[in-house]
Amino acid sequence: MIFGIGTDIIEVERIRNVMERDIGFRDKIFTPQEIDYCESKKFKYQHYAARFSVKESFMKAIGTGWRFGIRFGDIEVTHDLLGKPGINVFGKAKEWCEKEAVSNIHVSLSHLKEMATAVVVVETKDEGRRTISE
């Protein structure tokens, strides 16, 4: 069952500016694996922006915002061998997904020179679960 859908769009320049101003931003928001991936790319800020957009989309899909102690670093954008994006969750995000019986997380992301966007769909095993508002 679809639990939630989230989407986000962000300007690549906005991510570039904050990363150039705030040295700690990168390590606070992105995991070491995401940093390695983005830094290996010619247009790295497009990739950082897309990952930021995925993290925002995930939070919208689960409907919590930045509550319950979930941090940006708890959400990691991955790729399979064919390049299909996915999400790994850690810490409070993982606890939340286990509590809500999340069975699958679908990710689509895209970026251009100036913009990055993402869509995340979260599925659960149990149609009756929705404890956020209880």
C-alpha atoms as a PDB file:
ATOM      1  CA  MET A   1       0.000   0.000   0.000  1.00  0.00           C
ATOM      2  CA  ILE A   2       1.246   3.500  -0.758  1.00  0.00           C
ATOM      3  CA  PHE A   3       1.900   5.274   2.531  1.00  0.00           C
ATOM      4  CA  GLY A   4       3.013   8.570   1.054  1.00  0.00           C
ATOM      5  CA  ILE A   5       4.455  10.444  -1.904  1.00  0.00           C
ATOM      6  CA  GLY A   6       6.876  13.340  -1.692  1.00  0.00           C
ATOM      7  CA  THR A   7       8.428  15.633  -4.272  1.00  0.00           C
ATOM      8  CA  ASP A   8      10.963  18.428  -4.126  1.00  0.00           C
ATOM      9  CA  ILE A   9      12.801  20.764  -6.457  1.00  0.00           C
ATOM     10  CA  ILE A  10      15.824  22.912  -5.651  1.00  0.00           C
ATOM     11  CA  GLU A  11      18.177  25.288  -7.402  1.00  0.00           C
ATOM     12  CA  VAL A  12      21.667  23.824  -7.847  1.00  0.00           C
ATOM     13  CA  GLU A  13      23.170  27.266  -7.164  1.00  0.00           C
ATOM     14  CA  ARG A  14      21.492  27.351  -3.746  1.00  0.00           C
ATOM     15  CA  ILE A  15      23.301  24.149  -2.734  1.00  0.00           C
ATOM     16  CA  ARG A  16      26.584  25.408  -4.203  1.00  0.00           C
ATOM     17  CA  ASN A  17      26.307  28.672  -2.262  1.00  0.00           C
ATOM     18  CA  VAL A  18      25.575  27.065   1.095  1.00  0.00           C
ATOM     19  CA  MET A  19      28.337  24.485   0.631  1.00  0.00           C
ATOM     20  CA  GLU A  20      30.868  27.180  -0.229  1.00  0.00           C
ATOM     21  CA  ARG A  21      29.801  29.332   2.767  1.00  0.00           C
ATOM     22  CA  ASP A  22      29.389  26.592   5.386  1.00  0.00           C
ATOM     23  CA  ILE A  23      32.155  23.980   5.440  1.00  0.00           C
ATOM     24  CA  GLY A  24      30.210  21.737   7.859  1.00  0.00           C
ATOM     25  CA  PHE A  25      27.042  21.664   5.756  1.00  0.00           C
ATOM     26  CA  ARG A  26      28.298  18.875   3.487  1.00  0.00           C
ATOM     27  CA  ASP A  27      29.191  16.534   6.350  1.00  0.00           C
ATOM     28  CA  LYS A  28      25.981  17.323   8.244  1.00  0.00           C
ATOM     29  CA  ILE A  29      23.670  16.648   5.301  1.00  0.00           C
ATOM     30  CA  PHE A  30      25.398  13.945   3.251  1.00  0.00           C
ATOM     31  CA  THR A  31      26.831  10.545   4.169  1.00  0.00           C
ATOM     32  CA  PRO A  32      30.452   9.642   3.340  1.00  0.00           C
ATOM     33  CA  GLN A  33      29.242   7.432   0.471  1.00  0.00           C
ATOM     34  CA  GLU A  34      27.165  10.270  -0.994  1.00  0.00           C
ATOM     35  CA  ILE A  35      30.099  12.659  -0.687  1.00  0.00           C
ATOM     36  CA  ASP A  36      32.424  10.211  -2.457  1.00  0.00           C
ATOM     37  CA  TYR A  37      29.877   9.786  -5.253  1.00  0.00           C
ATOM     38  CA  CYS A  38      29.232  13.512  -5.750  1.00  0.00           C
ATOM     39  CA  GLU A  39      32.889  14.509  -5.518  1.00  0.00           C
ATOM     40  CA  SER A  40      33.703  12.047  -8.306  1.00  0.00           C
ATOM     41  CA  LYS A  41      31.408  13.905 -10.716  1.00  0.00           C
ATOM     42  CA  LYS A  42      32.357  16.771 -13.026  1.00  0.00           C
ATOM     43  CA  PHE A  43      29.231  18.761 -12.070  1.00  0.00           C
ATOM     44  CA  LYS A  44      29.175  17.722  -8.419  1.00  0.00           C
ATOM     45  CA  TYR A  45      26.718  20.361  -7.197  1.00  0.00           C
ATOM     46  CA  GLN A  46      24.003  18.968  -9.462  1.00  0.00           C
ATOM     47  CA  HIS A  47      24.451  15.605  -7.752  1.00  0.00           C
ATOM     48  CA  TYR A  48      24.490  17.116  -4.271  1.00  0.00           C
ATOM     49  CA  ALA A  49      21.319  19.069  -5.082  1.00  0.00           C
ATOM     50  CA  ALA A  50      19.556  15.952  -6.369  1.00  0.00           C
ATOM     51  CA  ARG A  51      20.429  14.070  -3.169  1.00  0.00           C
ATOM     52  CA  PHE A  52      19.229  16.963  -1.049  1.00  0.00           C
ATOM     53  CA  SER A  53      15.975  16.916  -3.005  1.00  0.00           C
ATOM     54  CA  VAL A  54      15.579  13.163  -2.400  1.00  0.00           C
ATOM     55  CA  LYS A  55      16.009  13.653   1.352  1.00  0.00           C
ATOM     56  CA  GLU A  56      13.380  16.422   1.379  1.00  0.00           C
ATOM     57  CA  SER A  57      11.045  14.270  -0.745  1.00  0.00           C
ATOM     58  CA  PHE A  58      11.444  11.336   1.638  1.00  0.00           C
ATOM     59  CA  MET A  59      10.451  13.482   4.618  1.00  0.00           C
ATOM     60  CA  LYS A  60       7.398  14.706   2.734  1.00  0.00           C
ATOM     61  CA  ALA A  61       6.467  11.137   1.766  1.00  0.00           C
ATOM     62  CA  ILE A  62       6.549   9.915   5.362  1.00  0.00           C
ATOM     63  CA  GLY A  63       4.634  12.990   6.480  1.00  0.00           C
ATOM     64  CA  THR A  64       6.676  13.837   9.548  1.00  0.00           C
ATOM     65  CA  GLY A  65       8.791  16.766   8.477  1.00  0.00           C
ATOM     66  CA  TRP A  66      11.980  16.971  10.515  1.00  0.00           C
ATOM     67  CA  ARG A  67      10.418  15.545  13.679  1.00  0.00           C
ATOM     68  CA  PHE A  68      11.216  12.529  15.841  1.00  0.00           C
ATOM     69  CA  GLY A  69      14.960  13.146  15.686  1.00  0.00           C
ATOM     70  CA  ILE A  70      15.306  12.191  12.004  1.00  0.00           C
ATOM     71  CA  ARG A  71      18.333  13.885  10.445  1.00  0.00           C
ATOM     72  CA  PHE A  72      19.408  14.420   6.839  1.00  0.00           C
ATOM     73  CA  GLY A  73      22.334  12.055   7.478  1.00  0.00           C
ATOM     74  CA  ASP A  74      19.868   9.288   8.402  1.00  0.00           C
ATOM     75  CA  ILE A  75      18.763   9.202   4.757  1.00  0.00           C
ATOM     76  CA  GLU A  76      21.269   8.035   2.151  1.00  0.00           C
ATOM     77  CA  VAL A  77      20.756   8.019  -1.603  1.00  0.00           C
ATOM     78  CA  THR A  78      22.208   4.917  -3.254  1.00  0.00           C
ATOM     79  CA  HIS A  79      22.355   3.420  -6.748  1.00  0.00           C
ATOM     80  CA  ASP A  80      22.171  -0.186  -7.877  1.00  0.00           C
ATOM     81  CA  LEU A  81      24.511  -1.648 -10.497  1.00  0.00           C
ATOM     82  CA  LEU A  82      22.361  -0.262 -13.307  1.00  0.00           C
ATOM     83  CA  GLY A  83      22.213   3.219 -11.771  1.00  0.00           C
ATOM     84  CA  LYS A  84      18.677   3.004 -10.372  1.00  0.00           C
ATOM     85  CA  PRO A  85      18.461   5.250  -7.295  1.00  0.00           C
ATOM     86  CA  GLY A  86      17.314   4.033  -3.911  1.00  0.00           C
ATOM     87  CA  ILE A  87      17.418   4.985  -0.254  1.00  0.00           C
ATOM     88  CA  ASN A  88      19.131   3.490   2.781  1.00  0.00           C
ATOM     89  CA  VAL A  89      17.909   4.680   6.161  1.00  0.00           C
ATOM     90  CA  PHE A  90      19.772   4.782   9.453  1.00  0.00           C
ATOM     91  CA  GLY A  91      19.166   5.922  13.020  1.00  0.00           C
ATOM     92  CA  LYS A  92      15.787   7.474  13.754  1.00  0.00           C
ATOM     93  CA  ALA A  93      14.707   7.218  10.104  1.00  0.00           C
ATOM     94  CA  LYS A  94      15.278   3.458  10.226  1.00  0.00           C
ATOM     95  CA  GLU A  95      13.390   3.183  13.523  1.00  0.00           C
ATOM     96  CA  TRP A  96      10.491   5.119  12.010  1.00  0.00           C
ATOM     97  CA  CYS A  97      10.416   2.911   8.893  1.00  0.00           C
ATOM     98  CA  GLU A  98      10.424  -0.239  11.033  1.00  0.00           C
ATOM     99  CA  LYS A  99       7.617   1.117  13.241  1.00  0.00           C
ATOM    100  CA  GLU A 100       5.482   1.957  10.212  1.00  0.00           C
ATOM    101  CA  ALA A 101       6.293  -1.366   8.462  1.00  0.00           C
ATOM    102  CA  VAL A 102       7.790   0.308   5.386  1.00  0.00           C
ATOM    103  CA  SER A 103       8.237  -2.370   2.740  1.00  0.00           C
ATOM    104  CA  ASN A 104       9.627  -0.393  -0.186  1.00  0.00           C
ATOM    105  CA  ILE A 105      10.904   3.078  -1.041  1.00  0.00           C
ATOM    106  CA  HIS A 106      10.854   4.167  -4.685  1.00  0.00           C
ATOM    107  CA  VAL A 107      13.073   7.047  -5.810  1.00  0.00           C
ATOM    108  CA  SER A 108      13.303   9.073  -8.978  1.00  0.00           C
ATOM    109  CA  LEU A 109      15.697  11.981  -9.316  1.00  0.00           C
ATOM    110  CA  SER A 110      16.808  14.296 -12.062  1.00  0.00           C
ATOM    111  CA  HIS A 111      19.084  17.273 -12.424  1.00  0.00           C
ATOM    112  CA  LEU A 112      20.060  19.878 -14.946  1.00  0.00           C
ATOM    113  CA  LYS A 113      22.574  22.695 -14.839  1.00  0.00           C
ATOM    114  CA  GLU A 114      20.289  24.896 -12.736  1.00  0.00           C
ATOM    115  CA  MET A 115      17.711  22.618 -11.061  1.00  0.00           C
ATOM    116  CA  ALA A 116      17.432  19.253  -9.336  1.00  0.00           C
ATOM    117  CA  THR A 117      14.249  17.388  -8.506  1.00  0.00           C
ATOM    118  CA  ALA A 118      13.147  14.153  -6.876  1.00  0.00           C
ATOM    119  CA  VAL A 119      10.067  12.058  -6.198  1.00  0.00           C
ATOM    120  CA  VAL A 120       9.868   9.458  -3.426  1.00  0.00           C
ATOM    121  CA  VAL A 121       7.080   6.917  -2.923  1.00  0.00           C
ATOM    122  CA  VAL A 122       6.943   5.010   0.368  1.00  0.00           C
ATOM    123  CA  GLU A 123       5.041   1.726   0.592  1.00  0.00           C
ATOM    124  CA  THR A 124       4.006  -0.179   3.711  1.00  0.00           C
ATOM    125  CA  LYS A 125       3.071  -3.803   4.261  1.00  0.00           C
ATOM    126  CA  ASP A 126      -0.015  -3.112   6.341  1.00  0.00           C
ATOM    127  CA  GLU A 127      -2.957  -1.049   5.118  1.00  0.00           C
ATOM    128  CA  GLY A 128      -4.093  -0.382   8.676  1.00  0.00           C
ATOM    129  CA  ARG A 129      -0.900   1.298   9.917  1.00  0.00           C
ATOM    130  CA  ARG A 130      -0.727   5.041  10.257  1.00  0.00           C
ATOM    131  CA  THR A 131       0.379   5.901  13.756  1.00  0.00           C
ATOM    132  CA  ILE A 132       1.656   9.437  13.194  1.00  0.00           C
ATOM    133  CA  SER A 133      -1.656  11.112  13.970  1.00  0.00           C
ATOM    134  CA  GLU A 134      -2.748   8.665  16.660  1.00  0.00           C
END
